[in-house]
Amino acid sequence: MRNAVNWFEIPVKNYNRAKQFYTTIMDSQITDHPMPEQNIKYGIFQYDEDNNAVGGAIIEGEGQNPTTDGATVYLNGGNNLSIALDKVEANGGKILMPKTDIGTFGFIAQFIDTEGNRVALHSIL
């Protein structure tokens, strides 16, 4: 089955600050993949490349503008998104929507990251 989404990028203004934020709340690594010829700082979220999974990155460069408008990216909240969500405000983010039950589809929450993006989490528990 094909995924509706193949890749996503979260724009950031301060690559190192954003990398620290997402590494901490997601308890996962971000691998640096800089593109110096385009003056772009790029970091890829850890994902399962062998399983046709969707991956994504943070990107700092000209024209990459964080926003609370537009599409919402839902990051994997792990087995229980409360664990990641509990780290958001302690690491410079702001919770917009607390953990919310969406029935048989699990739970969601939304936050503003350190860069000013509206981002969400999803989990089964």
C-alpha atoms as a PDB file:
ATOM      1  CA  MET A   1       0.000   0.000   0.000  1.00  0.00           C
ATOM      2  CA  ARG A   2       1.261   3.489  -0.817  1.00  0.00           C
ATOM      3  CA  ASN A   3       1.464   6.169   1.835  1.00  0.00           C
ATOM      4  CA  ALA A   4      -0.426   9.424   1.310  1.00  0.00           C
ATOM      5  CA  VAL A   5       2.697  11.242   2.499  1.00  0.00           C
ATOM      6  CA  ASN A   6       6.252  10.337   1.472  1.00  0.00           C
ATOM      7  CA  TRP A   7       8.329  12.993   3.239  1.00  0.00           C
ATOM      8  CA  PHE A   8       7.869  16.143   5.308  1.00  0.00           C
ATOM      9  CA  GLU A   9      10.075  19.076   6.279  1.00  0.00           C
ATOM     10  CA  ILE A  10       9.623  21.302   9.311  1.00  0.00           C
ATOM     11  CA  PRO A  11      11.123  24.774   8.697  1.00  0.00           C
ATOM     12  CA  VAL A  12      13.303  26.170  11.476  1.00  0.00           C
ATOM     13  CA  LYS A  13      15.135  29.434  12.130  1.00  0.00           C
ATOM     14  CA  ASN A  14      17.689  28.015  14.581  1.00  0.00           C
ATOM     15  CA  TYR A  15      18.759  24.533  13.506  1.00  0.00           C
ATOM     16  CA  ASN A  16      20.641  23.617  16.691  1.00  0.00           C
ATOM     17  CA  ARG A  17      17.826  24.773  18.986  1.00  0.00           C
ATOM     18  CA  ALA A  18      15.223  22.885  16.946  1.00  0.00           C
ATOM     19  CA  LYS A  19      17.379  19.757  16.790  1.00  0.00           C
ATOM     20  CA  GLN A  20      17.762  19.793  20.574  1.00  0.00           C
ATOM     21  CA  PHE A  21      14.009  20.317  21.047  1.00  0.00           C
ATOM     22  CA  TYR A  22      12.924  17.474  18.753  1.00  0.00           C
ATOM     23  CA  THR A  23      15.659  15.095  19.908  1.00  0.00           C
ATOM     24  CA  THR A  24      14.495  15.614  23.482  1.00  0.00           C
ATOM     25  CA  ILE A  25      10.730  15.408  23.057  1.00  0.00           C
ATOM     26  CA  MET A  26      10.867  12.517  20.567  1.00  0.00           C
ATOM     27  CA  ASP A  27      13.628  10.675  22.457  1.00  0.00           C
ATOM     28  CA  SER A  28      15.131   9.986  19.047  1.00  0.00           C
ATOM     29  CA  GLN A  29      18.108  11.023  16.958  1.00  0.00           C
ATOM     30  CA  ILE A  30      18.202  13.592  14.183  1.00  0.00           C
ATOM     31  CA  THR A  31      20.985  12.924  11.685  1.00  0.00           C
ATOM     32  CA  ASP A  32      22.700  15.968  10.172  1.00  0.00           C
ATOM     33  CA  HIS A  33      22.656  16.161   6.361  1.00  0.00           C
ATOM     34  CA  PRO A  34      23.891  19.685   5.615  1.00  0.00           C
ATOM     35  CA  MET A  35      23.712  21.095   2.089  1.00  0.00           C
ATOM     36  CA  PRO A  36      26.464  23.752   2.187  1.00  0.00           C
ATOM     37  CA  GLU A  37      26.228  24.542  -1.531  1.00  0.00           C
ATOM     38  CA  GLN A  38      22.653  25.809  -0.906  1.00  0.00           C
ATOM     39  CA  ASN A  39      23.467  27.189   2.571  1.00  0.00           C
ATOM     40  CA  ILE A  40      20.960  24.760   4.117  1.00  0.00           C
ATOM     41  CA  LYS A  41      21.125  23.009   7.469  1.00  0.00           C
ATOM     42  CA  TYR A  42      19.169  19.753   7.270  1.00  0.00           C
ATOM     43  CA  GLY A  43      18.493  17.041   9.835  1.00  0.00           C
ATOM     44  CA  ILE A  44      16.586  13.821   9.270  1.00  0.00           C
ATOM     45  CA  PHE A  45      14.337  12.293  11.930  1.00  0.00           C
ATOM     46  CA  GLN A  46      15.068   8.643  12.687  1.00  0.00           C
ATOM     47  CA  TYR A  47      12.678   6.378  10.763  1.00  0.00           C
ATOM     48  CA  ASP A  48      12.404   2.805   9.472  1.00  0.00           C
ATOM     49  CA  GLU A  49      13.702   3.071   5.897  1.00  0.00           C
ATOM     50  CA  ASP A  50      13.219  -0.648   5.199  1.00  0.00           C
ATOM     51  CA  ASN A  51       9.491  -0.676   5.833  1.00  0.00           C
ATOM     52  CA  ASN A  52       8.181   1.895   3.302  1.00  0.00           C
ATOM     53  CA  ALA A  53       7.758   4.251   6.242  1.00  0.00           C
ATOM     54  CA  VAL A  54       7.319   7.997   5.992  1.00  0.00           C
ATOM     55  CA  GLY A  55      10.290  10.087   7.064  1.00  0.00           C
ATOM     56  CA  GLY A  56      10.977  13.749   7.513  1.00  0.00           C
ATOM     57  CA  ALA A  57      13.428  16.434   8.490  1.00  0.00           C
ATOM     58  CA  ILE A  58      14.014  19.840   9.992  1.00  0.00           C
ATOM     59  CA  ILE A  59      15.383  22.429   7.573  1.00  0.00           C
ATOM     60  CA  GLU A  60      17.006  25.831   8.055  1.00  0.00           C
ATOM     61  CA  GLY A  61      17.636  27.970   5.003  1.00  0.00           C
ATOM     62  CA  GLU A  62      16.414  30.894   2.964  1.00  0.00           C
ATOM     63  CA  GLY A  63      12.662  30.767   2.417  1.00  0.00           C
ATOM     64  CA  GLN A  64      12.083  28.245   5.214  1.00  0.00           C
ATOM     65  CA  ASN A  65       9.622  30.029   7.473  1.00  0.00           C
ATOM     66  CA  PRO A  66       8.042  28.474  10.559  1.00  0.00           C
ATOM     67  CA  THR A  67       4.286  28.953  10.792  1.00  0.00           C
ATOM     68  CA  THR A  68       1.177  28.126  12.763  1.00  0.00           C
ATOM     69  CA  ASP A  69      -0.884  28.261   9.563  1.00  0.00           C
ATOM     70  CA  GLY A  70      -1.159  25.616   6.883  1.00  0.00           C
ATOM     71  CA  ALA A  71      -0.864  21.844   7.013  1.00  0.00           C
ATOM     72  CA  THR A  72      -0.358  20.080  10.328  1.00  0.00           C
ATOM     73  CA  VAL A  73       2.392  17.479  10.608  1.00  0.00           C
ATOM     74  CA  TYR A  74       1.574  14.658  13.035  1.00  0.00           C
ATOM     75  CA  LEU A  75       4.702  13.115  14.500  1.00  0.00           C
ATOM     76  CA  ASN A  76       4.726   9.636  15.971  1.00  0.00           C
ATOM     77  CA  GLY A  77       3.971  10.065  19.659  1.00  0.00           C
ATOM     78  CA  GLY A  78       5.327   6.622  20.523  1.00  0.00           C
ATOM     79  CA  ASN A  79       3.401   4.164  22.625  1.00  0.00           C
ATOM     80  CA  ASN A  80       1.968   6.957  24.788  1.00  0.00           C
ATOM     81  CA  LEU A  81       2.154  10.547  23.527  1.00  0.00           C
ATOM     82  CA  SER A  82       1.975  11.881  27.093  1.00  0.00           C
ATOM     83  CA  ILE A  83       5.676  11.062  27.437  1.00  0.00           C
ATOM     84  CA  ALA A  84       6.654  13.354  24.539  1.00  0.00           C
ATOM     85  CA  LEU A  85       4.004  15.970  25.327  1.00  0.00           C
ATOM     86  CA  ASP A  86       5.206  16.292  28.920  1.00  0.00           C
ATOM     87  CA  LYS A  87       8.594  17.461  27.566  1.00  0.00           C
ATOM     88  CA  VAL A  88       7.265  20.185  25.242  1.00  0.00           C
ATOM     89  CA  GLU A  89       6.933  23.157  27.599  1.00  0.00           C
ATOM     90  CA  ALA A  90      10.006  22.213  29.666  1.00  0.00           C
ATOM     91  CA  ASN A  91      12.021  22.503  26.432  1.00  0.00           C
ATOM     92  CA  GLY A  92      10.681  25.830  25.150  1.00  0.00           C
ATOM     93  CA  GLY A  93       7.502  24.803  23.315  1.00  0.00           C
ATOM     94  CA  LYS A  94       3.862  25.573  24.117  1.00  0.00           C
ATOM     95  CA  ILE A  95       0.995  23.091  24.245  1.00  0.00           C
ATOM     96  CA  LEU A  96      -2.005  24.214  22.171  1.00  0.00           C
ATOM     97  CA  MET A  97      -4.172  21.096  22.476  1.00  0.00           C
ATOM     98  CA  PRO A  98      -3.662  18.664  25.339  1.00  0.00           C
ATOM     99  CA  LYS A  99      -3.759  14.916  24.817  1.00  0.00           C
ATOM    100  CA  THR A 100      -7.153  14.341  23.228  1.00  0.00           C
ATOM    101  CA  ASP A 101      -8.963  11.031  22.741  1.00  0.00           C
ATOM    102  CA  ILE A 102     -10.076  10.524  19.125  1.00  0.00           C
ATOM    103  CA  GLY A 103     -11.772   7.178  19.701  1.00  0.00           C
ATOM    104  CA  THR A 104     -10.586   4.108  17.826  1.00  0.00           C
ATOM    105  CA  PHE A 105      -7.829   6.171  16.167  1.00  0.00           C
ATOM    106  CA  GLY A 106      -6.017   6.815  19.469  1.00  0.00           C
ATOM    107  CA  PHE A 107      -4.883  10.194  20.788  1.00  0.00           C
ATOM    108  CA  ILE A 108      -3.605  13.490  19.416  1.00  0.00           C
ATOM    109  CA  ALA A 109      -2.099  16.683  20.809  1.00  0.00           C
ATOM    110  CA  GLN A 110      -0.791  19.905  19.245  1.00  0.00           C
ATOM    111  CA  PHE A 111       1.997  22.259  20.260  1.00  0.00           C
ATOM    112  CA  ILE A 112       4.089  25.193  19.083  1.00  0.00           C
ATOM    113  CA  ASP A 113       7.757  24.234  18.785  1.00  0.00           C
ATOM    114  CA  THR A 114      10.724  26.452  19.654  1.00  0.00           C
ATOM    115  CA  GLU A 115      10.682  27.848  16.109  1.00  0.00           C
ATOM    116  CA  GLY A 116       7.019  28.896  15.957  1.00  0.00           C
ATOM    117  CA  ASN A 117       5.586  25.908  14.065  1.00  0.00           C
ATOM    118  CA  ARG A 118       2.276  24.280  14.956  1.00  0.00           C
ATOM    119  CA  VAL A 119       3.071  20.557  15.105  1.00  0.00           C
ATOM    120  CA  ALA A 120       1.078  17.592  16.414  1.00  0.00           C
ATOM    121  CA  LEU A 121       1.600  14.199  17.972  1.00  0.00           C
ATOM    122  CA  HIS A 122      -0.388  11.001  17.467  1.00  0.00           C
ATOM    123  CA  SER A 123      -0.350   7.698  19.341  1.00  0.00           C
ATOM    124  CA  ILE A 124      -2.583   4.726  19.985  1.00  0.00           C
ATOM    125  CA  LEU A 125      -2.365   5.243  23.771  1.00  0.00           C
END
